[in-house]
Amino acid sequence: MNKQNIINNTPIIFIVGPTGSGKTELSLSLAKVLNAEIISADSRQVYKYLDIGTAKPSQKSLSKIKHHFVDILNPDEFFSAGKFGNLAREIIKSNLKKNKNTIICGGSGFYIQAILGMIFDSSTTDKNIRKDIYERGEKFGWHRLWEELQKNDPEYAKTIGKSDNKRIARSFEIFEMTGKYPTEHFKEQKSQFPYKYLMIGLKCPRNILYERINNRVDKMVETGLVKEVQNILDMGYDEKINSLNTVGYKEIIKYINKEYSLPKTITEIKKNTRHYAKRQLTWFRKYSPHFWFEYEIKLSKDKMVEKIIDIIGKSTKEKRFKKHYYF
């Protein structure tokens, strides 16, 4: 099968994995070969001004490859995974009509689930209900609300952390608006992903992943993460908005407020990023990719691109890819 036939028969490609595993580099290289647009499945890259701390692609990369869901919202705007999923599927549908391939790249598990039709996809929200829930969380502690959620929707509670106030609040908001918790909606939902897709997972040995994370945090601080956060606050955004309740940003805010020294700030960002990466790996093991690649260990980036092209070429007649292969 020649290159043009491979491009024309390419499935929707997902590139997933923990932070620091090399997803962005691989997606950019693959997009060039496949004439593809990239959908960013990152819950923080959607926000303007959050650049360094979210490891957004460079402006040069963004100018060469069309990206969706990067810099589309102000930091204080609400955006649900359900809305993201609906919009992303529309982009995929549009790309297919114009013979353009699509790569979904990111580490936000709920965004991946949303595209695949695996979460409550209504974007309906109630600001007053959400405000009341956040006030409860601040007053009684988010862990208490999580414990309440665990009693009422244990299946959903397992997928989120005790301090994930955004998703804890959203689950209660859904319940108060509909009388049903998220899991019940998921089971009733008929929305499914109608396209053939190939999911590539990136990982590497823990010690190497943690070294990559530590180096990336150092680079973020060196290239102006503190200034980036200060500029956002100087623009008038409240330090408690959800977009800033993110690893990297919340620690820098504590430094700006003189709660942390800079060395402690950097240590905390590294530690919390490693914990986040561990949770991501746990999630992606549950929703296993078709193929796992050990980034830059067994295969270089260019070799991975070659291997993915080979997989596409050999599998164009299959309705679904077989699981699970390791490279």
Protein backbone atom coordinates (compact mmCIF):
# COMPACT_ATOMS: atom_id res chain seq x y z
CA MET A 1 0.00 0.00 0.00
CA ASN A 2 1.47 3.34 -1.05
CA LYS A 3 1.71 6.40 1.16
CA GLN A 4 -1.33 8.13 -0.36
CA ASN A 5 -3.54 5.11 0.25
CA ILE A 6 -2.36 4.97 3.87
CA ILE A 7 -3.21 8.64 4.34
CA ASN A 8 -6.65 8.13 2.78
CA ASN A 9 -7.41 5.11 4.98
CA THR A 10 -6.06 6.39 8.27
CA PRO A 11 -8.29 5.77 11.33
CA ILE A 12 -8.81 8.46 13.95
CA ILE A 13 -5.60 8.35 15.99
CA PHE A 14 -5.38 8.91 19.74
CA ILE A 15 -1.98 9.57 21.33
CA VAL A 16 -2.28 9.29 25.09
CA GLY A 17 -0.08 8.85 28.14
CA PRO A 18 1.23 10.60 31.23
CA THR A 19 2.61 14.12 31.31
CA GLY A 20 6.19 14.25 30.07
CA SER A 21 5.95 11.07 27.99
CA GLY A 22 6.47 12.77 24.61
CA LYS A 23 2.91 12.96 23.25
CA THR A 24 3.26 16.42 21.68
CA GLU A 25 6.47 15.61 19.80
CA LEU A 26 5.04 12.39 18.38
CA SER A 27 1.71 13.95 17.39
CA LEU A 28 3.43 16.79 15.51
CA SER A 29 5.68 14.39 13.60
CA LEU A 30 2.80 12.08 12.77
CA ALA A 31 0.52 14.95 11.72
CA LYS A 32 3.07 16.06 9.10
CA VAL A 33 3.17 12.60 7.57
CA LEU A 34 -0.58 11.97 7.65
CA ASN A 35 -1.79 15.45 6.64
CA ALA A 36 -3.69 15.63 9.91
CA GLU A 37 -5.13 18.24 12.25
CA ILE A 38 -4.61 17.85 15.99
CA ILE A 39 -7.29 17.98 18.66
CA SER A 40 -5.73 18.83 22.02
CA ALA A 41 -7.30 16.64 24.72
CA ASP A 42 -5.82 18.72 27.51
CA SER A 43 -8.18 20.36 30.00
CA ARG A 44 -5.86 23.31 30.59
CA GLN A 45 -4.48 24.10 27.11
CA VAL A 46 -7.95 25.38 26.23
CA TYR A 47 -7.21 28.48 28.34
CA LYS A 48 -5.46 31.60 27.09
CA TYR A 49 -2.35 32.81 28.94
CA LEU A 50 -1.67 29.39 30.54
CA ASP A 51 1.21 28.58 28.22
CA ILE A 52 4.37 27.54 30.02
CA GLY A 53 2.69 25.61 32.80
CA THR A 54 0.55 23.58 30.38
CA ALA A 55 3.44 22.85 28.00
CA LYS A 56 1.49 24.15 25.02
CA PRO A 57 2.96 23.55 21.58
CA SER A 58 5.10 26.45 20.41
CA GLN A 59 3.63 29.17 18.21
CA LYS A 60 5.80 27.83 15.40
CA SER A 61 4.25 24.38 15.76
CA LEU A 62 0.74 25.84 16.00
CA SER A 63 1.31 27.81 12.79
CA LYS A 64 2.42 24.69 10.89
CA ILE A 65 -0.17 22.18 12.13
CA LYS A 66 -3.76 23.20 12.79
CA HIS A 67 -4.67 22.60 16.45
CA HIS A 68 -8.13 22.63 17.99
CA PHE A 69 -8.97 23.54 21.61
CA VAL A 70 -5.83 25.58 22.27
CA ASP A 71 -6.28 29.16 23.54
CA ILE A 72 -10.04 29.25 23.03
CA LEU A 73 -11.20 30.38 26.49
CA ASN A 74 -10.41 33.02 29.07
CA PRO A 75 -9.07 31.56 32.34
CA ASP A 76 -12.34 32.09 34.22
CA GLU A 77 -14.68 30.54 31.64
CA PHE A 78 -16.46 27.25 32.33
CA PHE A 79 -15.87 24.34 29.94
CA SER A 80 -17.11 20.81 30.53
CA ALA A 81 -15.68 17.56 29.23
CA GLY A 82 -19.10 16.80 27.78
CA LYS A 83 -19.10 19.96 25.70
CA PHE A 84 -15.54 19.22 24.60
CA GLY A 85 -16.57 15.73 23.45
CA ASN A 86 -19.51 17.03 21.41
CA LEU A 87 -17.42 19.72 19.72
CA ALA A 88 -14.50 17.35 19.08
CA ARG A 89 -16.75 14.82 17.35
CA GLU A 90 -18.08 17.59 15.12
CA ILE A 91 -14.51 18.52 14.14
CA ILE A 92 -13.72 14.87 13.34
CA LYS A 93 -16.87 14.64 11.22
CA SER A 94 -15.95 17.83 9.37
CA ASN A 95 -12.38 16.63 8.77
CA LEU A 96 -13.60 13.35 7.32
CA LYS A 97 -15.81 15.22 4.86
CA LYS A 98 -12.81 17.19 3.58
CA ASN A 99 -10.48 14.15 3.58
CA LYS A 100 -8.42 15.48 6.46
CA ASN A 101 -7.05 13.13 9.10
CA THR A 102 -7.41 13.76 12.83
CA ILE A 103 -5.05 13.07 15.72
CA ILE A 104 -6.30 13.43 19.28
CA CYS A 105 -3.39 14.13 21.61
CA GLY A 106 -3.53 14.58 25.36
CA GLY A 107 -3.41 13.21 28.84
CA SER A 108 -6.78 14.33 30.21
CA GLY A 109 -8.58 11.03 30.66
CA PHE A 110 -12.02 12.58 30.95
CA TYR A 111 -11.53 14.40 27.64
CA ILE A 112 -10.59 11.13 25.94
CA GLN A 113 -13.66 9.49 27.48
CA ALA A 114 -15.78 12.42 26.31
CA ILE A 115 -14.73 12.02 22.67
CA LEU A 116 -15.47 8.31 22.82
CA GLY A 117 -18.94 9.01 24.22
CA MET A 118 -18.18 7.50 27.61
CA ILE A 119 -19.29 10.38 29.86
CA PHE A 120 -22.36 12.50 30.46
CA ASP A 121 -22.23 14.71 27.38
CA SER A 122 -24.64 17.47 28.34
CA SER A 123 -23.02 20.89 28.64
CA THR A 124 -25.96 22.17 30.72
CA THR A 125 -24.83 23.92 33.85
CA ASP A 126 -26.31 26.04 36.63
CA LYS A 127 -24.06 28.75 38.02
CA ASN A 128 -26.05 29.15 41.22
CA ILE A 129 -26.00 25.44 42.00
CA ARG A 130 -22.28 25.27 41.22
CA LYS A 131 -21.61 28.27 43.46
CA ASP A 132 -23.46 26.64 46.37
CA ILE A 133 -21.51 23.40 45.91
CA TYR A 134 -18.18 25.22 45.87
CA GLU A 135 -19.13 27.04 49.05
CA ARG A 136 -19.90 23.67 50.68
CA GLY A 137 -16.58 22.31 49.50
CA GLU A 138 -14.66 25.26 50.91
CA LYS A 139 -16.57 25.19 54.19
CA PHE A 140 -16.59 21.46 54.94
CA GLY A 141 -13.65 20.24 52.85
CA TRP A 142 -13.67 18.63 49.42
CA HIS A 143 -12.73 15.27 50.89
CA ARG A 144 -16.06 15.29 52.77
CA LEU A 145 -17.97 15.88 49.56
CA TRP A 146 -15.94 13.13 47.89
CA GLU A 147 -16.92 10.75 50.71
CA GLU A 148 -20.57 11.69 50.15
CA LEU A 149 -20.12 11.04 46.44
CA GLN A 150 -18.49 7.70 47.21
CA LYS A 151 -21.61 6.61 49.10
CA ASN A 152 -23.97 7.67 46.31
CA ASP A 153 -21.90 6.98 43.18
CA PRO A 154 -18.93 4.78 44.15
CA GLU A 155 -18.12 3.87 40.55
CA TYR A 156 -17.61 7.49 39.56
CA ALA A 157 -15.87 8.40 42.84
CA LYS A 158 -13.18 5.82 42.07
CA THR A 159 -12.19 7.72 38.94
CA ILE A 160 -11.48 11.07 40.62
CA GLY A 161 -9.31 12.26 43.47
CA LYS A 162 -10.52 13.50 46.85
CA SER A 163 -9.24 17.00 46.03
CA ASP A 164 -10.53 17.16 42.44
CA ASN A 165 -13.01 19.86 43.33
CA LYS A 166 -14.01 20.55 39.73
CA ARG A 167 -15.28 17.04 39.06
CA ILE A 168 -16.66 16.55 42.55
CA ALA A 169 -18.66 19.76 42.14
CA ARG A 170 -19.77 18.78 38.64
CA SER A 171 -21.08 15.41 39.86
CA PHE A 172 -23.27 17.07 42.50
CA GLU A 173 -24.32 19.76 40.01
CA ILE A 174 -25.49 17.02 37.63
CA PHE A 175 -27.37 15.31 40.46
CA GLU A 176 -29.08 18.46 41.66
CA MET A 177 -30.13 19.37 38.11
CA THR A 178 -31.27 15.91 37.03
CA GLY A 179 -31.80 13.77 40.12
CA LYS A 180 -29.21 11.28 38.87
CA TYR A 181 -25.50 10.88 39.54
CA PRO A 182 -22.98 10.69 36.65
CA THR A 183 -22.69 6.87 36.44
CA GLU A 184 -26.43 6.48 35.90
CA HIS A 185 -26.27 8.97 33.05
CA PHE A 186 -23.28 7.19 31.51
CA LYS A 187 -25.18 3.90 31.45
CA GLU A 188 -28.22 5.49 29.84
CA GLN A 189 -26.24 7.46 27.28
CA LYS A 190 -26.38 6.11 23.74
CA SER A 191 -23.65 8.32 22.32
CA GLN A 192 -20.80 6.17 21.04
CA PHE A 193 -17.76 6.83 18.90
CA PRO A 194 -18.84 5.87 15.36
CA TYR A 195 -15.41 5.84 13.73
CA LYS A 196 -12.60 3.34 13.51
CA TYR A 197 -9.79 4.49 15.75
CA LEU A 198 -6.28 3.57 16.81
CA MET A 199 -5.12 4.45 20.31
CA ILE A 200 -1.37 4.74 20.94
CA GLY A 201 -0.15 4.87 24.53
CA LEU A 202 3.24 6.31 25.45
CA LYS A 203 5.13 5.35 28.56
CA CYS A 204 8.66 4.77 29.78
CA PRO A 205 10.29 3.33 32.90
CA ARG A 206 9.26 5.27 36.00
CA ASN A 207 12.75 6.55 36.81
CA ILE A 208 13.16 7.96 33.31
CA LEU A 209 9.66 9.47 33.29
CA TYR A 210 10.30 11.15 36.64
CA GLU A 211 13.62 12.50 35.39
CA ARG A 212 11.86 13.95 32.33
CA ILE A 213 9.23 15.52 34.58
CA ASN A 214 11.82 17.04 36.92
CA ASN A 215 13.79 18.47 34.00
CA ARG A 216 10.65 19.90 32.44
CA VAL A 217 9.62 21.63 35.67
CA ASP A 218 13.09 23.19 35.96
CA LYS A 219 12.81 24.43 32.39
CA MET A 220 9.32 25.87 33.01
CA VAL A 221 10.59 27.89 35.97
CA GLU A 222 13.67 29.02 34.04
CA THR A 223 11.57 30.19 31.08
CA GLY A 224 9.20 32.31 33.17
CA LEU A 225 6.45 30.31 34.88
CA VAL A 226 6.42 32.67 37.87
CA LYS A 227 6.03 35.68 35.60
CA GLU A 228 3.28 33.92 33.64
CA VAL A 229 1.23 33.29 36.79
CA GLN A 230 1.84 36.82 38.10
CA ASN A 231 0.67 38.28 34.78
CA ILE A 232 -2.56 36.26 34.95
CA LEU A 233 -3.24 37.52 38.48
CA ASP A 234 -2.34 41.07 37.47
CA MET A 235 -4.99 40.86 34.74
CA GLY A 236 -7.55 40.58 37.54
CA TYR A 237 -8.24 36.85 37.56
CA ASP A 238 -8.98 35.36 40.97
CA GLU A 239 -6.33 32.94 42.18
CA LYS A 240 -9.10 30.49 43.13
CA ILE A 241 -10.54 30.01 39.63
CA ASN A 242 -10.59 26.44 38.44
CA SER A 243 -8.03 26.84 35.65
CA LEU A 244 -5.41 27.91 38.20
CA ASN A 245 -6.23 25.01 40.51
CA THR A 246 -3.68 23.07 38.51
CA VAL A 247 -0.31 21.54 39.24
CA GLY A 248 2.32 24.17 38.58
CA TYR A 249 -0.01 27.14 38.93
CA LYS A 250 -1.34 26.55 42.43
CA GLU A 251 2.19 26.06 43.81
CA ILE A 252 3.45 29.23 42.11
CA ILE A 253 0.52 31.14 43.62
CA LYS A 254 1.66 30.00 47.06
CA TYR A 255 5.14 31.27 46.22
CA ILE A 256 3.73 34.63 45.11
CA ASN A 257 1.74 34.78 48.36
CA LYS A 258 4.97 34.05 50.27
CA GLU A 259 3.66 30.73 51.61
CA TYR A 260 6.46 28.82 49.86
CA SER A 261 10.10 29.58 49.12
CA LEU A 262 11.12 29.11 45.49
CA PRO A 263 13.03 25.85 46.20
CA LYS A 264 10.02 24.44 48.04
CA THR A 265 7.74 25.56 45.21
CA ILE A 266 9.83 23.72 42.64
CA THR A 267 9.98 20.61 44.83
CA GLU A 268 6.20 20.64 45.30
CA ILE A 269 5.54 21.06 41.56
CA LYS A 270 7.80 18.12 40.76
CA LYS A 271 6.23 15.94 43.43
CA ASN A 272 2.66 16.78 42.45
CA THR A 273 3.40 16.35 38.75
CA ARG A 274 4.82 12.89 39.43
CA HIS A 275 1.69 12.01 41.41
CA TYR A 276 -0.46 13.28 38.54
CA ALA A 277 1.50 11.20 36.03
CA LYS A 278 0.96 8.13 38.20
CA ARG A 279 -2.81 8.73 38.20
CA GLN A 280 -2.77 9.18 34.44
CA LEU A 281 -1.00 5.85 33.96
CA THR A 282 -3.55 4.16 36.19
CA TRP A 283 -6.36 5.61 34.10
CA PHE A 284 -4.82 4.62 30.77
CA ARG A 285 -4.14 1.10 31.97
CA LYS A 286 -7.86 0.80 32.67
CA TYR A 287 -8.80 2.09 29.21
CA SER A 288 -5.92 0.28 27.53
CA PRO A 289 -4.55 1.63 24.25
CA HIS A 290 -4.25 -0.77 21.34
CA PHE A 291 -0.48 -0.28 21.30
CA TRP A 292 1.98 0.81 23.97
CA PHE A 293 5.29 2.40 22.99
CA GLU A 294 8.16 2.98 25.37
CA TYR A 295 9.14 6.44 24.28
CA GLU A 296 12.79 6.85 23.27
CA ILE A 297 13.70 3.59 25.01
CA LYS A 298 13.00 0.83 22.53
CA LEU A 299 11.99 3.10 19.66
CA SER A 300 12.93 6.66 18.74
CA LYS A 301 10.26 9.17 17.74
CA ASP A 302 10.97 8.64 14.03
CA LYS A 303 10.85 4.85 14.44
CA MET A 304 7.53 5.16 16.24
CA VAL A 305 6.11 7.16 13.33
CA GLU A 306 7.30 4.47 10.94
CA LYS A 307 5.76 1.76 13.10
CA ILE A 308 2.41 3.54 13.34
CA ILE A 309 2.31 4.02 9.57
CA ASP A 310 3.07 0.31 9.17
CA ILE A 311 0.24 -0.58 11.60
CA ILE A 312 -2.20 1.60 9.66
CA GLY A 313 -1.12 0.08 6.36
CA LYS A 314 -1.63 -3.48 7.58
CA SER A 315 -4.89 -2.83 9.39
CA THR A 316 -7.02 -0.79 6.99
CA LYS A 317 -9.39 -3.70 6.40
CA GLU A 318 -9.99 -4.38 10.10
CA LYS A 319 -13.02 -2.90 11.83
CA ARG A 320 -11.19 -2.73 15.14
CA PHE A 321 -7.59 -3.09 16.16
CA LYS A 322 -6.55 -6.06 18.23
CA LYS A 323 -5.31 -5.48 21.76
CA HIS A 324 -2.62 -5.23 23.12
CA TYR A 325 0.82 -4.84 21.59
CA TYR A 326 3.95 -3.54 23.29
CA PHE A 327 6.92 -1.98 21.48
